[in-house]
Each structure stands twice: as structure tokens, then as C-alpha cells.
């Protein structure tokens, strides 16, 4: 069983920074990629960023240049460095582990990020 636990969320003022973490435990039979999604109240969950081996990284246009995704494979931890935060970044942020070409998908419980103006 795979478990993902996010942390690092909090309340900050516009222009501030936060660093989210997602710790992976358990096991899955694939060379997995990981991504961050976010969901604001009453809104659909949206893609934020992803990272996967040789394929590198991708970012949603809304966070390009402000957020940086990275991972420490030894610690089995995914990170999302968020700089220049805006009120519209306010959402619950979720960590996702996926296996390309497979149905395997795992989600964490989320960590709340609130940005005030």
C-alpha cells in the first residue's frame, strides 16, 4: 500500500513563500512520477506541477516562474517551493503519485494554503 502525506501548508500574506512536502511510504510496482494538484472550495481540482524521471518537470501557466517542484528520492519526498504567492493560490494542495501507462494513482489528504491580500 502506498501512502502520501502532505505538510507545510499555512497562512501567508501575498508575496510570501511556502514549501510543501509530500512523504511517500509503502510500495508500488512502477517507476512512478509525482505531481501537485490544488482545489479551492467549490472548484474542481486543478493541475499545478509534475515531475518524472527523464521527462523533467511541467507547470501550470498560472504558477510558472513562481513555483518549483523537486524530489529527494532517497528520502522519498516530493517538494513544492511556492514563491510570490497570490490570493488566487489559496487552495488545498494535494500530492499525487502515478504510474505512467497504468491505472495506479494515489492521493494524499492535502495541506491547506491560504494567501491573504
N, C-alpha and C. Protein backbone atom coordinates (compact mmCIF):
# COMPACT_ATOMS: atom_id res chain seq x y z
N UNK A 1 0.83 -1.19 0.00
CA UNK A 1 0.00 0.00 0.00
C UNK A 1 0.87 1.25 0.00
N UNK A 2 0.46 2.22 -0.80
CA UNK A 2 1.16 3.48 -0.89
C UNK A 2 0.40 4.54 -0.11
N UNK A 3 1.12 5.31 0.68
CA UNK A 3 0.52 6.42 1.40
C UNK A 3 1.30 7.69 1.13
N UNK A 4 0.58 8.77 0.96
CA UNK A 4 1.18 10.08 0.72
C UNK A 4 0.70 11.02 1.81
N UNK A 5 1.64 11.72 2.43
CA UNK A 5 1.29 12.65 3.49
C UNK A 5 1.90 14.01 3.21
N UNK A 6 1.04 14.99 2.97
CA UNK A 6 1.49 16.35 2.70
C UNK A 6 1.65 17.15 3.99
N UNK A 7 2.52 18.14 3.93
CA UNK A 7 2.71 19.04 5.05
C UNK A 7 3.31 20.34 4.53
N UNK A 8 3.37 21.34 5.38
CA UNK A 8 3.99 22.60 5.01
C UNK A 8 3.03 23.72 4.66
N UNK A 9 1.75 23.42 4.62
CA UNK A 9 0.77 24.45 4.33
C UNK A 9 0.65 25.42 5.48
N UNK A 10 -0.04 26.51 5.23
CA UNK A 10 -0.23 27.51 6.26
C UNK A 10 -0.85 28.76 5.68
N UNK A 11 -0.85 29.81 6.49
CA UNK A 11 -1.41 31.09 6.08
C UNK A 11 -0.30 32.12 5.93
N UNK A 12 -0.24 32.74 4.76
CA UNK A 12 0.78 33.75 4.48
C UNK A 12 0.15 34.94 3.76
N UNK A 13 0.86 36.04 3.76
CA UNK A 13 0.41 37.21 3.04
C UNK A 13 0.88 37.15 1.59
N UNK A 14 0.18 37.84 0.72
CA UNK A 14 0.57 37.89 -0.68
C UNK A 14 2.03 38.29 -0.81
N UNK A 15 2.73 37.59 -1.70
CA UNK A 15 4.14 37.85 -1.89
C UNK A 15 5.04 36.95 -1.06
N UNK A 16 4.44 36.23 -0.13
CA UNK A 16 5.20 35.34 0.74
C UNK A 16 5.51 34.02 0.09
N UNK A 17 6.15 33.15 0.86
CA UNK A 17 6.57 31.84 0.35
C UNK A 17 6.20 30.71 1.30
N UNK A 18 6.03 29.54 0.73
CA UNK A 18 5.79 28.33 1.49
C UNK A 18 6.47 27.18 0.76
N UNK A 19 6.86 26.18 1.51
CA UNK A 19 7.44 24.98 0.92
C UNK A 19 6.64 23.77 1.38
N UNK A 20 5.97 23.14 0.44
CA UNK A 20 5.18 21.96 0.75
C UNK A 20 6.01 20.70 0.59
N UNK A 21 5.70 19.71 1.40
CA UNK A 21 6.38 18.42 1.33
C UNK A 21 5.35 17.31 1.22
N UNK A 22 5.73 16.24 0.58
CA UNK A 22 4.89 15.05 0.46
C UNK A 22 5.77 13.84 0.65
N UNK A 23 5.55 13.13 1.74
CA UNK A 23 6.34 11.95 2.05
C UNK A 23 5.64 10.69 1.56
N UNK A 24 6.37 9.87 0.82
CA UNK A 24 5.84 8.63 0.28
C UNK A 24 6.23 7.46 1.14
N UNK A 25 5.28 6.61 1.45
CA UNK A 25 5.56 5.38 2.16
C UNK A 25 4.86 4.24 1.45
N UNK A 26 5.32 3.03 1.69
CA UNK A 26 4.74 1.88 1.03
C UNK A 26 5.48 1.56 -0.26
N UNK A 27 4.83 0.78 -1.11
CA UNK A 27 5.48 0.30 -2.32
C UNK A 27 4.51 0.19 -3.48
N UNK A 28 5.02 0.46 -4.68
CA UNK A 28 4.24 0.27 -5.90
C UNK A 28 5.15 -0.26 -6.99
N UNK A 29 4.60 -1.09 -7.85
CA UNK A 29 5.38 -1.72 -8.92
C UNK A 29 5.43 -0.86 -10.17
N UNK A 30 6.10 0.26 -10.08
CA UNK A 30 6.32 1.09 -11.23
C UNK A 30 7.37 2.15 -10.93
N UNK A 31 7.93 2.70 -11.99
CA UNK A 31 8.82 3.85 -11.85
C UNK A 31 7.89 5.05 -11.89
N UNK A 32 7.53 5.52 -10.73
CA UNK A 32 6.46 6.50 -10.64
C UNK A 32 6.88 7.95 -10.85
N UNK A 33 5.91 8.71 -11.27
CA UNK A 33 6.06 10.14 -11.36
C UNK A 33 5.20 10.74 -10.26
N UNK A 34 5.42 11.99 -9.95
CA UNK A 34 4.62 12.64 -8.93
C UNK A 34 4.20 14.03 -9.38
N UNK A 35 3.12 14.49 -8.80
CA UNK A 35 2.60 15.78 -9.17
C UNK A 35 1.87 16.45 -8.01
N UNK A 36 1.65 17.73 -8.17
CA UNK A 36 0.87 18.51 -7.22
C UNK A 36 -0.39 19.02 -7.91
N UNK A 37 -1.49 18.93 -7.21
CA UNK A 37 -2.75 19.49 -7.64
C UNK A 37 -3.27 20.39 -6.53
N UNK A 38 -4.23 21.23 -6.86
CA UNK A 38 -4.83 22.06 -5.83
C UNK A 38 -6.32 22.20 -6.11
N UNK A 39 -7.06 22.45 -5.05
CA UNK A 39 -8.50 22.58 -5.17
C UNK A 39 -9.02 23.62 -4.19
N UNK A 40 -9.67 24.64 -4.73
CA UNK A 40 -10.28 25.67 -3.92
C UNK A 40 -11.72 25.28 -3.64
N UNK A 41 -12.32 25.78 -2.56
CA UNK A 41 -13.71 25.44 -2.23
C UNK A 41 -14.66 25.71 -3.39
N UNK A 42 -15.47 24.72 -3.73
CA UNK A 42 -16.43 24.86 -4.81
C UNK A 42 -15.84 24.77 -6.20
N UNK A 43 -14.55 24.51 -6.30
CA UNK A 43 -13.89 24.43 -7.59
C UNK A 43 -13.38 23.02 -7.85
N UNK A 44 -13.11 22.72 -9.11
CA UNK A 44 -12.55 21.43 -9.46
C UNK A 44 -11.07 21.40 -9.17
N UNK A 45 -10.56 20.22 -8.91
CA UNK A 45 -9.15 20.06 -8.66
C UNK A 45 -8.37 20.36 -9.94
N UNK A 46 -7.31 21.16 -9.83
CA UNK A 46 -6.53 21.53 -10.99
C UNK A 46 -5.07 21.15 -10.86
N UNK A 47 -4.46 20.88 -11.98
CA UNK A 47 -3.06 20.52 -12.05
C UNK A 47 -2.19 21.71 -11.73
N UNK A 48 -1.12 21.47 -10.97
CA UNK A 48 -0.18 22.52 -10.61
C UNK A 48 1.19 22.24 -11.22
N UNK A 49 1.73 21.06 -10.95
CA UNK A 49 3.07 20.73 -11.43
C UNK A 49 3.31 19.23 -11.36
N UNK A 50 4.24 18.75 -12.16
CA UNK A 50 4.61 17.34 -12.11
C UNK A 50 6.09 17.15 -12.36
N UNK A 51 6.60 16.02 -11.91
CA UNK A 51 7.99 15.67 -12.12
C UNK A 51 8.07 14.17 -12.36
N UNK A 52 8.88 13.78 -13.38
CA UNK A 52 9.02 12.37 -13.69
C UNK A 52 10.31 12.09 -14.43
N UNK A 53 11.23 11.44 -13.77
CA UNK A 53 12.48 10.94 -14.33
C UNK A 53 13.06 11.83 -15.43
N UNK A 54 13.30 11.23 -16.59
CA UNK A 54 13.93 11.93 -17.71
C UNK A 54 13.00 12.92 -18.40
N UNK A 55 11.73 12.84 -18.10
CA UNK A 55 10.77 13.74 -18.72
C UNK A 55 10.76 15.12 -18.08
N UNK A 56 11.49 15.25 -17.00
CA UNK A 56 11.61 16.55 -16.38
C UNK A 56 10.38 17.03 -15.64
N UNK A 57 10.16 18.31 -15.72
CA UNK A 57 9.06 18.92 -14.97
C UNK A 57 8.11 19.69 -15.87
N UNK A 58 6.90 19.88 -15.36
CA UNK A 58 5.89 20.68 -16.04
C UNK A 58 5.17 21.54 -15.00
N UNK A 59 4.69 22.69 -15.45
CA UNK A 59 3.98 23.60 -14.57
C UNK A 59 2.75 24.16 -15.26
N UNK A 60 1.73 24.39 -14.48
CA UNK A 60 0.57 25.10 -14.99
C UNK A 60 1.00 26.53 -15.28
N UNK A 61 0.40 27.14 -16.29
CA UNK A 61 0.76 28.51 -16.65
C UNK A 61 0.60 29.47 -15.47
N UNK A 62 -0.37 29.20 -14.63
CA UNK A 62 -0.67 30.08 -13.52
C UNK A 62 0.43 30.13 -12.45
N UNK A 63 1.29 29.12 -12.42
CA UNK A 63 2.35 29.08 -11.40
C UNK A 63 3.74 29.11 -11.99
N UNK A 64 3.84 29.06 -13.30
CA UNK A 64 5.14 29.08 -13.99
C UNK A 64 5.97 30.28 -13.55
N UNK A 65 7.20 30.02 -13.17
CA UNK A 65 8.09 31.08 -12.74
C UNK A 65 8.01 31.41 -11.26
N UNK A 66 6.99 30.90 -10.58
CA UNK A 66 6.82 31.17 -9.15
C UNK A 66 6.99 29.91 -8.30
N UNK A 67 6.56 28.78 -8.83
CA UNK A 67 6.65 27.51 -8.10
C UNK A 67 7.75 26.63 -8.68
N UNK A 68 8.35 25.82 -7.84
CA UNK A 68 9.37 24.88 -8.27
C UNK A 68 9.12 23.52 -7.64
N UNK A 69 9.00 22.50 -8.47
CA UNK A 69 8.78 21.15 -7.98
C UNK A 69 10.12 20.41 -7.96
N UNK A 70 10.33 19.60 -6.94
CA UNK A 70 11.55 18.83 -6.83
C UNK A 70 11.28 17.60 -5.99
N UNK A 71 12.22 16.66 -5.99
CA UNK A 71 12.06 15.47 -5.17
C UNK A 71 13.39 14.95 -4.70
N UNK A 72 13.35 14.31 -3.55
CA UNK A 72 14.51 13.66 -2.97
C UNK A 72 14.16 12.18 -2.91
N UNK A 73 14.68 11.42 -3.87
CA UNK A 73 14.34 10.01 -3.95
C UNK A 73 14.81 9.21 -2.73
N UNK A 74 15.95 9.58 -2.18
CA UNK A 74 16.47 8.88 -1.01
C UNK A 74 15.52 9.04 0.18
N UNK A 75 14.94 10.22 0.31
CA UNK A 75 14.01 10.49 1.40
C UNK A 75 12.57 10.19 1.00
N UNK A 76 12.38 9.83 -0.26
CA UNK A 76 11.05 9.55 -0.80
C UNK A 76 10.11 10.71 -0.49
N UNK A 77 10.58 11.89 -0.82
CA UNK A 77 9.82 13.09 -0.54
C UNK A 77 9.72 14.01 -1.75
N UNK A 78 8.54 14.52 -1.99
CA UNK A 78 8.28 15.47 -3.05
C UNK A 78 8.12 16.85 -2.42
N UNK A 79 8.61 17.88 -3.12
CA UNK A 79 8.52 19.23 -2.60
C UNK A 79 7.88 20.17 -3.62
N UNK A 80 7.29 21.22 -3.12
CA UNK A 80 6.80 22.29 -3.96
C UNK A 80 7.16 23.60 -3.28
N UNK A 81 8.16 24.28 -3.83
CA UNK A 81 8.55 25.58 -3.33
C UNK A 81 7.66 26.61 -4.00
N UNK A 82 6.93 27.36 -3.21
CA UNK A 82 6.00 28.35 -3.73
C UNK A 82 6.44 29.75 -3.31
N UNK A 83 6.78 30.56 -4.29
CA UNK A 83 7.21 31.93 -4.05
C UNK A 83 6.23 32.90 -4.67
N UNK A 84 6.31 34.14 -4.25
CA UNK A 84 5.45 35.20 -4.78
C UNK A 84 3.99 34.77 -4.78
N UNK A 85 3.55 34.25 -3.66
CA UNK A 85 2.20 33.73 -3.56
C UNK A 85 1.15 34.82 -3.75
N UNK A 86 0.06 34.43 -4.39
CA UNK A 86 -1.06 35.31 -4.67
C UNK A 86 -2.31 34.77 -3.99
N UNK A 87 -3.29 35.64 -3.71
CA UNK A 87 -4.53 35.18 -3.10
C UNK A 87 -5.19 34.04 -3.89
N UNK A 88 -5.07 34.07 -5.21
CA UNK A 88 -5.66 33.03 -6.03
C UNK A 88 -4.96 31.68 -5.90
N UNK A 89 -3.84 31.64 -5.19
CA UNK A 89 -3.16 30.38 -4.92
C UNK A 89 -3.80 29.66 -3.73
N UNK A 90 -4.70 30.33 -3.04
CA UNK A 90 -5.38 29.75 -1.89
C UNK A 90 -6.14 28.50 -2.31
N UNK A 91 -5.83 27.38 -1.68
CA UNK A 91 -6.44 26.10 -2.02
C UNK A 91 -5.90 25.01 -1.12
N UNK A 92 -6.53 23.86 -1.20
CA UNK A 92 -5.98 22.67 -0.59
C UNK A 92 -5.05 22.06 -1.63
N UNK A 93 -3.82 21.80 -1.24
CA UNK A 93 -2.84 21.24 -2.15
C UNK A 93 -2.66 19.76 -1.91
N UNK A 94 -2.74 18.99 -2.98
CA UNK A 94 -2.68 17.54 -2.91
C UNK A 94 -1.48 16.98 -3.65
N UNK A 95 -0.87 15.99 -3.07
CA UNK A 95 0.22 15.26 -3.68
C UNK A 95 -0.35 14.05 -4.41
N UNK A 96 0.17 13.75 -5.58
CA UNK A 96 -0.30 12.62 -6.37
C UNK A 96 0.88 11.78 -6.85
N UNK A 97 0.75 10.49 -6.71
CA UNK A 97 1.73 9.55 -7.24
C UNK A 97 1.04 8.76 -8.34
N UNK A 98 1.69 8.67 -9.49
CA UNK A 98 1.09 7.96 -10.61
C UNK A 98 2.11 7.09 -11.33
N UNK A 99 1.60 6.07 -12.00
CA UNK A 99 2.44 5.18 -12.78
C UNK A 99 2.07 5.36 -14.24
N UNK A 100 2.94 5.99 -15.03
CA UNK A 100 2.65 6.23 -16.44
C UNK A 100 2.23 4.95 -17.17
N UNK A 101 1.14 5.03 -17.92
CA UNK A 101 0.64 3.89 -18.66
C UNK A 101 -0.10 2.88 -17.81
N UNK A 102 -0.34 3.23 -16.56
CA UNK A 102 -1.02 2.33 -15.63
C UNK A 102 -2.20 3.03 -14.97
N UNK A 103 -3.07 2.24 -14.37
CA UNK A 103 -4.23 2.79 -13.68
C UNK A 103 -3.88 3.20 -12.25
N UNK A 104 -2.69 2.84 -11.79
CA UNK A 104 -2.29 3.14 -10.42
C UNK A 104 -2.17 4.64 -10.17
N UNK A 105 -2.95 5.12 -9.24
CA UNK A 105 -2.92 6.52 -8.83
C UNK A 105 -3.17 6.60 -7.33
N UNK A 106 -2.37 7.38 -6.64
CA UNK A 106 -2.53 7.56 -5.21
C UNK A 106 -2.54 9.03 -4.86
N UNK A 107 -3.37 9.38 -3.89
CA UNK A 107 -3.51 10.77 -3.46
C UNK A 107 -3.27 10.91 -1.97
N UNK A 108 -2.71 12.05 -1.59
CA UNK A 108 -2.58 12.37 -0.19
C UNK A 108 -3.86 13.05 0.28
N UNK A 109 -3.91 13.42 1.55
CA UNK A 109 -5.09 14.05 2.12
C UNK A 109 -5.11 15.56 1.94
N UNK A 110 -4.00 16.13 1.56
CA UNK A 110 -3.94 17.54 1.29
C UNK A 110 -3.41 18.38 2.43
N UNK A 111 -2.91 19.56 2.09
CA UNK A 111 -2.46 20.53 3.08
C UNK A 111 -2.96 21.90 2.62
N UNK A 112 -3.53 22.64 3.54
CA UNK A 112 -4.18 23.91 3.21
C UNK A 112 -3.18 25.05 3.07
N UNK A 113 -3.34 25.80 1.99
CA UNK A 113 -2.55 27.00 1.76
C UNK A 113 -3.52 28.17 1.64
N UNK A 114 -3.32 29.18 2.48
CA UNK A 114 -4.18 30.36 2.45
C UNK A 114 -3.31 31.60 2.29
N UNK A 115 -3.61 32.36 1.25
CA UNK A 115 -2.84 33.58 0.96
C UNK A 115 -3.76 34.79 1.08
N UNK A 116 -3.43 35.69 1.97
CA UNK A 116 -4.23 36.88 2.18
C UNK A 116 -3.63 38.07 1.45
N UNK A 117 -4.48 39.01 1.07
CA UNK A 117 -4.03 40.20 0.36
C UNK A 117 -3.98 41.40 1.27
